[in-house]
Amino acid sequence: VGFPATADGNLASGGSIASLTAIVAAREAAGL
């Protein structure tokens, strides 16, 4: 997908848990 070497990730059970993982990261990164 063209992501940089700074990227990280996780193999999840499907798109739902993968999406939850991303949303929580976005929430914390924004300091909300």
PDB file of all heavy atoms in Angstrom:
ATOM      1  N   VAL A   1       0.815  -1.221   0.000  1.00  0.00           N
ATOM      2  CA  VAL A   1       0.000   0.000   0.000  1.00  0.00           C
ATOM      3  C   VAL A   1       0.845   1.266   0.000  1.00  0.00           C
ATOM      4  O   VAL A   1       0.298   2.376  -0.079  1.00  0.00           O
ATOM      5  CB  VAL A   1      -0.972   0.020   1.200  1.00  0.00           C
ATOM      6  CG1 VAL A   1      -1.909  -1.169   1.139  1.00  0.00           C
ATOM      7  CG2 VAL A   1      -0.235   0.070   2.529  1.00  0.00           C
ATOM      8  N   GLY A   2       2.167   1.129   0.107  1.00  0.00           N
ATOM      9  CA  GLY A   2       3.034   2.306   0.046  1.00  0.00           C
ATOM     10  C   GLY A   2       3.267   2.988   1.369  1.00  0.00           C
ATOM     11  O   GLY A   2       3.655   4.163   1.407  1.00  0.00           O
ATOM     12  N   PHE A   3       3.069   2.282   2.494  1.00  0.00           N
ATOM     13  CA  PHE A   3       3.310   2.877   3.804  1.00  0.00           C
ATOM     14  C   PHE A   3       4.812   2.935   4.088  1.00  0.00           C
ATOM     15  O   PHE A   3       5.588   2.105   3.595  1.00  0.00           O
ATOM     16  CB  PHE A   3       2.606   2.056   4.882  1.00  0.00           C
ATOM     17  CG  PHE A   3       1.300   2.662   5.355  1.00  0.00           C
ATOM     18  CD1 PHE A   3       0.492   3.361   4.471  1.00  0.00           C
ATOM     19  CD2 PHE A   3       0.877   2.516   6.667  1.00  0.00           C
ATOM     20  CE1 PHE A   3      -0.697   3.921   4.889  1.00  0.00           C
ATOM     21  CE2 PHE A   3      -0.311   3.068   7.101  1.00  0.00           C
ATOM     22  CZ  PHE A   3      -1.095   3.777   6.220  1.00  0.00           C
ATOM     23  N   PRO A   4       5.246   3.890   4.927  1.00  0.00           N
ATOM     24  CA  PRO A   4       6.675   4.043   5.218  1.00  0.00           C
ATOM     25  C   PRO A   4       7.165   3.005   6.220  1.00  0.00           C
ATOM     26  O   PRO A   4       6.384   2.263   6.828  1.00  0.00           O
ATOM     27  CB  PRO A   4       6.746   5.453   5.824  1.00  0.00           C
ATOM     28  CG  PRO A   4       5.407   5.622   6.479  1.00  0.00           C
ATOM     29  CD  PRO A   4       4.424   4.933   5.578  1.00  0.00           C
ATOM     30  N   ALA A   5       8.482   2.988   6.420  1.00  0.00           N
ATOM     31  CA  ALA A   5       9.097   2.038   7.354  1.00  0.00           C
ATOM     32  C   ALA A   5       8.694   2.326   8.794  1.00  0.00           C
ATOM     33  O   ALA A   5       8.867   1.471   9.674  1.00  0.00           O
ATOM     34  CB  ALA A   5      10.614   2.081   7.212  1.00  0.00           C
ATOM     35  N   THR A   6       8.146   3.506   9.072  1.00  0.00           N
ATOM     36  CA  THR A   6       7.722   3.858  10.428  1.00  0.00           C
ATOM     37  C   THR A   6       6.386   3.228  10.798  1.00  0.00           C
ATOM     38  O   THR A   6       5.926   3.367  11.930  1.00  0.00           O
ATOM     39  CB  THR A   6       7.574   5.382  10.554  1.00  0.00           C
ATOM     40  OG1 THR A   6       6.631   5.844   9.562  1.00  0.00           O
ATOM     41  CG2 THR A   6       8.900   6.081  10.338  1.00  0.00           C
ATOM     42  N   ALA A   7       5.758   2.537   9.864  1.00  0.00           N
ATOM     43  CA  ALA A   7       4.433   1.978  10.108  1.00  0.00           C
ATOM     44  C   ALA A   7       4.513   0.727  10.973  1.00  0.00           C
ATOM     45  O   ALA A   7       5.541   0.067  11.054  1.00  0.00           O
ATOM     46  CB  ALA A   7       3.748   1.651   8.787  1.00  0.00           C
ATOM     47  N   ASP A   8       3.405   0.430  11.611  1.00  0.00           N
ATOM     48  CA  ASP A   8       3.255  -0.798  12.364  1.00  0.00           C
ATOM     49  C   ASP A   8       1.831  -1.282  12.159  1.00  0.00           C
ATOM     50  O   ASP A   8       1.000  -0.573  11.581  1.00  0.00           O
ATOM     51  CB  ASP A   8       3.551  -0.570  13.851  1.00  0.00           C
ATOM     52  CG  ASP A   8       3.864  -1.865  14.596  1.00  0.00           C
ATOM     53  OD1 ASP A   8       3.816  -2.951  13.970  1.00  0.00           O
ATOM     54  OD2 ASP A   8       4.151  -1.790  15.807  1.00  0.00           O
ATOM     55  N   GLY A   9       1.540  -2.478  12.629  1.00  0.00           N
ATOM     56  CA  GLY A   9       0.204  -3.007  12.417  1.00  0.00           C
ATOM     57  C   GLY A   9      -0.064  -4.240  13.226  1.00  0.00           C
ATOM     58  O   GLY A   9       0.705  -4.616  14.122  1.00  0.00           O
ATOM     59  N   ASN A  10      -1.155  -4.891  12.881  1.00  0.00           N
ATOM     60  CA  ASN A  10      -1.570  -6.074  13.601  1.00  0.00           C
ATOM     61  C   ASN A  10      -2.498  -6.893  12.719  1.00  0.00           C
ATOM     62  O   ASN A  10      -3.293  -6.333  11.952  1.00  0.00           O
ATOM     63  CB  ASN A  10      -2.311  -5.666  14.884  1.00  0.00           C
ATOM     64  CG  ASN A  10      -2.621  -6.858  15.774  1.00  0.00           C
ATOM     65  OD1 ASN A  10      -1.727  -7.510  16.285  1.00  0.00           O
ATOM     66  ND2 ASN A  10      -3.895  -7.146  15.946  1.00  0.00           N
ATOM     67  N   LEU A  11      -2.381  -8.216  12.812  1.00  0.00           N
ATOM     68  CA  LEU A  11      -3.325  -9.105  12.161  1.00  0.00           C
ATOM     69  C   LEU A  11      -4.447  -9.409  13.144  1.00  0.00           C
ATOM     70  O   LEU A  11      -4.200  -9.915  14.245  1.00  0.00           O
ATOM     71  CB  LEU A  11      -2.645 -10.402  11.725  1.00  0.00           C
ATOM     72  CG  LEU A  11      -1.614 -10.288  10.602  1.00  0.00           C
ATOM     73  CD1 LEU A  11      -1.043 -11.657  10.267  1.00  0.00           C
ATOM     74  CD2 LEU A  11      -2.227  -9.658   9.358  1.00  0.00           C
ATOM     75  N   ALA A  12      -5.666  -9.090  12.739  1.00  0.00           N
ATOM     76  CA  ALA A  12      -6.824  -9.211  13.617  1.00  0.00           C
ATOM     77  C   ALA A  12      -7.799 -10.246  13.065  1.00  0.00           C
ATOM     78  O   ALA A  12      -7.548 -10.876  12.033  1.00  0.00           O
ATOM     79  CB  ALA A  12      -7.518  -7.850  13.758  1.00  0.00           C
ATOM     80  N   SER A  13      -8.918 -10.408  13.745  1.00  0.00           N
ATOM     81  CA  SER A  13      -9.918 -11.393  13.324  1.00  0.00           C
ATOM     82  C   SER A  13     -10.716 -10.929  12.120  1.00  0.00           C
ATOM     83  O   SER A  13     -11.418 -11.725  11.501  1.00  0.00           O
ATOM     84  CB  SER A  13     -10.874 -11.678  14.485  1.00  0.00           C
ATOM     85  OG  SER A  13     -11.545 -10.489  14.879  1.00  0.00           O
ATOM     86  N   GLY A  14     -10.630  -9.651  11.784  1.00  0.00           N
ATOM     87  CA  GLY A  14     -11.361  -9.116  10.650  1.00  0.00           C
ATOM     88  C   GLY A  14     -11.345  -7.612  10.683  1.00  0.00           C
ATOM     89  O   GLY A  14     -10.674  -6.984  11.519  1.00  0.00           O
ATOM     90  N   GLY A  15     -12.123  -7.003   9.769  1.00  0.00           N
ATOM     91  CA  GLY A  15     -12.125  -5.552   9.658  1.00  0.00           C
ATOM     92  C   GLY A  15     -12.688  -4.842  10.869  1.00  0.00           C
ATOM     93  O   GLY A  15     -12.306  -3.700  11.162  1.00  0.00           O
ATOM     94  N   SER A  16     -13.588  -5.480  11.594  1.00  0.00           N
ATOM     95  CA  SER A  16     -14.213  -4.809  12.744  1.00  0.00           C
ATOM     96  C   SER A  16     -13.209  -4.556  13.862  1.00  0.00           C
ATOM     97  O   SER A  16     -13.098  -3.432  14.371  1.00  0.00           O
ATOM     98  CB  SER A  16     -15.393  -5.636  13.260  1.00  0.00           C
ATOM     99  OG  SER A  16     -16.427  -5.699  12.311  1.00  0.00           O
ATOM    100  N   ILE A  17     -12.474  -5.595  14.273  1.00  0.00           N
ATOM    101  CA  ILE A  17     -11.478  -5.410  15.333  1.00  0.00           C
ATOM    102  C   ILE A  17     -10.305  -4.581  14.830  1.00  0.00           C
ATOM    103  O   ILE A  17      -9.726  -3.777  15.572  1.00  0.00           O
ATOM    104  CB  ILE A  17     -11.001  -6.771  15.859  1.00  0.00           C
ATOM    105  CG1 ILE A  17     -12.168  -7.532  16.486  1.00  0.00           C
ATOM    106  CG2 ILE A  17      -9.887  -6.599  16.887  1.00  0.00           C
ATOM    107  CD1 ILE A  17     -12.852  -6.797  17.629  1.00  0.00           C
ATOM    108  N   ALA A  18      -9.941  -4.758  13.557  1.00  0.00           N
ATOM    109  CA  ALA A  18      -8.876  -3.925  12.991  1.00  0.00           C
ATOM    110  C   ALA A  18      -9.278  -2.450  13.021  1.00  0.00           C
ATOM    111  O   ALA A  18      -8.459  -1.577  13.345  1.00  0.00           O
ATOM    112  CB  ALA A  18      -8.579  -4.371  11.559  1.00  0.00           C
ATOM    113  N   SER A  19     -10.533  -2.166  12.693  1.00  0.00           N
ATOM    114  CA  SER A  19     -11.022  -0.778  12.722  1.00  0.00           C
ATOM    115  C   SER A  19     -11.023  -0.228  14.137  1.00  0.00           C
ATOM    116  O   SER A  19     -10.641   0.928  14.368  1.00  0.00           O
ATOM    117  CB  SER A  19     -12.432  -0.711  12.127  1.00  0.00           C
ATOM    118  OG  SER A  19     -12.430  -1.075  10.771  1.00  0.00           O
ATOM    119  N   LEU A  20     -11.471  -1.033  15.095  1.00  0.00           N
ATOM    120  CA  LEU A  20     -11.462  -0.592  16.495  1.00  0.00           C
ATOM    121  C   LEU A  20     -10.042  -0.256  16.936  1.00  0.00           C
ATOM    122  O   LEU A  20      -9.808   0.750  17.615  1.00  0.00           O
ATOM    123  CB  LEU A  20     -12.056  -1.689  17.380  1.00  0.00           C
ATOM    124  CG  LEU A  20     -12.034  -1.423  18.887  1.00  0.00           C
ATOM    125  CD1 LEU A  20     -12.861  -0.190  19.235  1.00  0.00           C
ATOM    126  CD2 LEU A  20     -12.539  -2.642  19.655  1.00  0.00           C
ATOM    127  N   THR A  21      -9.086  -1.071  16.550  1.00  0.00           N
ATOM    128  CA  THR A  21      -7.689  -0.829  16.899  1.00  0.00           C
ATOM    129  C   THR A  21      -7.222   0.523  16.361  1.00  0.00           C
ATOM    130  O   THR A  21      -6.545   1.287  17.057  1.00  0.00           O
ATOM    131  CB  THR A  21      -6.808  -1.958  16.339  1.00  0.00           C
ATOM    132  OG1 THR A  21      -7.278  -3.215  16.828  1.00  0.00           O
ATOM    133  CG2 THR A  21      -5.350  -1.778  16.728  1.00  0.00           C
ATOM    134  N   ALA A  22      -7.595   0.817  15.115  1.00  0.00           N
ATOM    135  CA  ALA A  22      -7.197   2.083  14.502  1.00  0.00           C
ATOM    136  C   ALA A  22      -7.893   3.271  15.157  1.00  0.00           C
ATOM    137  O   ALA A  22      -7.271   4.323  15.389  1.00  0.00           O
ATOM    138  CB  ALA A  22      -7.509   2.052  13.010  1.00  0.00           C
ATOM    139  N   ILE A  23      -9.179   3.133  15.472  1.00  0.00           N
ATOM    140  CA  ILE A  23      -9.932   4.245  16.056  1.00  0.00           C
ATOM    141  C   ILE A  23      -9.376   4.609  17.426  1.00  0.00           C
ATOM    142  O   ILE A  23      -9.237   5.794  17.772  1.00  0.00           O
ATOM    143  CB  ILE A  23     -11.428   3.884  16.159  1.00  0.00           C
ATOM    144  CG1 ILE A  23     -12.043   3.742  14.762  1.00  0.00           C
ATOM    145  CG2 ILE A  23     -12.186   4.920  16.988  1.00  0.00           C
ATOM    146  CD1 ILE A  23     -11.963   4.989  13.901  1.00  0.00           C
ATOM    147  N   VAL A  24      -9.033   3.595  18.231  1.00  0.00           N
ATOM    148  CA  VAL A  24      -8.455   3.871  19.545  1.00  0.00           C
ATOM    149  C   VAL A  24      -7.107   4.568  19.392  1.00  0.00           C
ATOM    150  O   VAL A  24      -6.786   5.509  20.141  1.00  0.00           O
ATOM    151  CB  VAL A  24      -8.326   2.568  20.360  1.00  0.00           C
ATOM    152  CG1 VAL A  24      -7.538   2.801  21.647  1.00  0.00           C
ATOM    153  CG2 VAL A  24      -9.715   2.020  20.687  1.00  0.00           C
ATOM    154  N   ALA A  25      -6.299   4.147  18.418  1.00  0.00           N
ATOM    155  CA  ALA A  25      -5.024   4.818  18.171  1.00  0.00           C
ATOM    156  C   ALA A  25      -5.253   6.271  17.770  1.00  0.00           C
ATOM    157  O   ALA A  25      -4.531   7.177  18.227  1.00  0.00           O
ATOM    158  CB  ALA A  25      -4.244   4.075  17.087  1.00  0.00           C
ATOM    159  N   ALA A  26      -6.242   6.514  16.934  1.00  0.00           N
ATOM    160  CA  ALA A  26      -6.547   7.886  16.504  1.00  0.00           C
ATOM    161  C   ALA A  26      -7.031   8.736  17.676  1.00  0.00           C
ATOM    162  O   ALA A  26      -6.685   9.920  17.792  1.00  0.00           O
ATOM    163  CB  ALA A  26      -7.609   7.847  15.403  1.00  0.00           C
ATOM    164  N   ARG A  27      -7.846   8.151  18.533  1.00  0.00           N
ATOM    165  CA  ARG A  27      -8.342   8.874  19.716  1.00  0.00           C
ATOM    166  C   ARG A  27      -7.198   9.292  20.624  1.00  0.00           C
ATOM    167  O   ARG A  27      -7.108  10.448  21.060  1.00  0.00           O
ATOM    168  CB  ARG A  27      -9.314   7.973  20.480  1.00  0.00           C
ATOM    169  CG  ARG A  27      -9.937   8.595  21.727  1.00  0.00           C
ATOM    170  CD  ARG A  27     -10.621   7.527  22.569  1.00  0.00           C
ATOM    171  NE  ARG A  27      -9.634   6.621  23.173  1.00  0.00           N
ATOM    172  CZ  ARG A  27      -9.946   5.449  23.731  1.00  0.00           C
ATOM    173  NH1 ARG A  27     -11.205   5.020  23.731  1.00  0.00           N
ATOM    174  NH2 ARG A  27      -8.999   4.706  24.276  1.00  0.00           N
ATOM    175  N   GLU A  28      -6.290   8.336  20.908  1.00  0.00           N
ATOM    176  CA  GLU A  28      -5.190   8.630  21.821  1.00  0.00           C
ATOM    177  C   GLU A  28      -4.186   9.585  21.186  1.00  0.00           C
ATOM    178  O   GLU A  28      -3.637  10.457  21.862  1.00  0.00           O
ATOM    179  CB  GLU A  28      -4.508   7.329  22.242  1.00  0.00           C
ATOM    180  CG  GLU A  28      -5.405   6.391  23.038  1.00  0.00           C
ATOM    181  CD  GLU A  28      -5.958   7.053  24.288  1.00  0.00           C
ATOM    182  OE1 GLU A  28      -5.157   7.341  25.199  1.00  0.00           O
ATOM    183  OE2 GLU A  28      -7.173   7.295  24.344  1.00  0.00           O
ATOM    184  N   ALA A  29      -3.932   9.451  19.895  1.00  0.00           N
ATOM    185  CA  ALA A  29      -2.990  10.341  19.221  1.00  0.00           C
ATOM    186  C   ALA A  29      -3.475  11.782  19.244  1.00  0.00           C
ATOM    187  O   ALA A  29      -2.663  12.724  19.299  1.00  0.00           O
ATOM    188  CB  ALA A  29      -2.774   9.879  17.781  1.00  0.00           C
ATOM    189  N   ALA A  30      -4.789  11.956  19.212  1.00  0.00           N
ATOM    190  CA  ALA A  30      -5.357  13.311  19.249  1.00  0.00           C
ATOM    191  C   ALA A  30      -5.465  13.851  20.664  1.00  0.00           C
ATOM    192  O   ALA A  30      -5.826  15.022  20.850  1.00  0.00           O
ATOM    193  CB  ALA A  30      -6.739  13.304  18.597  1.00  0.00           C
ATOM    194  N   GLY A  31      -5.163  13.031  21.667  1.00  0.00           N
ATOM    195  CA  GLY A  31      -5.264  13.472  23.057  1.00  0.00           C
ATOM    196  C   GLY A  31      -6.684  13.712  23.515  1.00  0.00           C
ATOM    197  O   GLY A  31      -6.915  14.480  24.464  1.00  0.00           O
ATOM    198  N   LEU A  32      -7.634  13.059  22.877  1.00  0.00           N
ATOM    199  CA  LEU A  32      -9.041  13.263  23.241  1.00  0.00           C
ATOM    200  C   LEU A  32      -9.359  12.563  24.550  1.00  0.00           C
ATOM    201  O   LEU A  32      -8.970  11.422  24.782  1.00  0.00           O
ATOM    202  CB  LEU A  32      -9.949  12.729  22.134  1.00  0.00           C
ATOM    203  CG  LEU A  32      -9.932  13.506  20.814  1.00  0.00           C
ATOM    204  CD1 LEU A  32     -10.691  12.740  19.736  1.00  0.00           C
ATOM    205  CD2 LEU A  32     -10.546  14.881  21.002  1.00  0.00           C
TER     206      LEU A  32
END
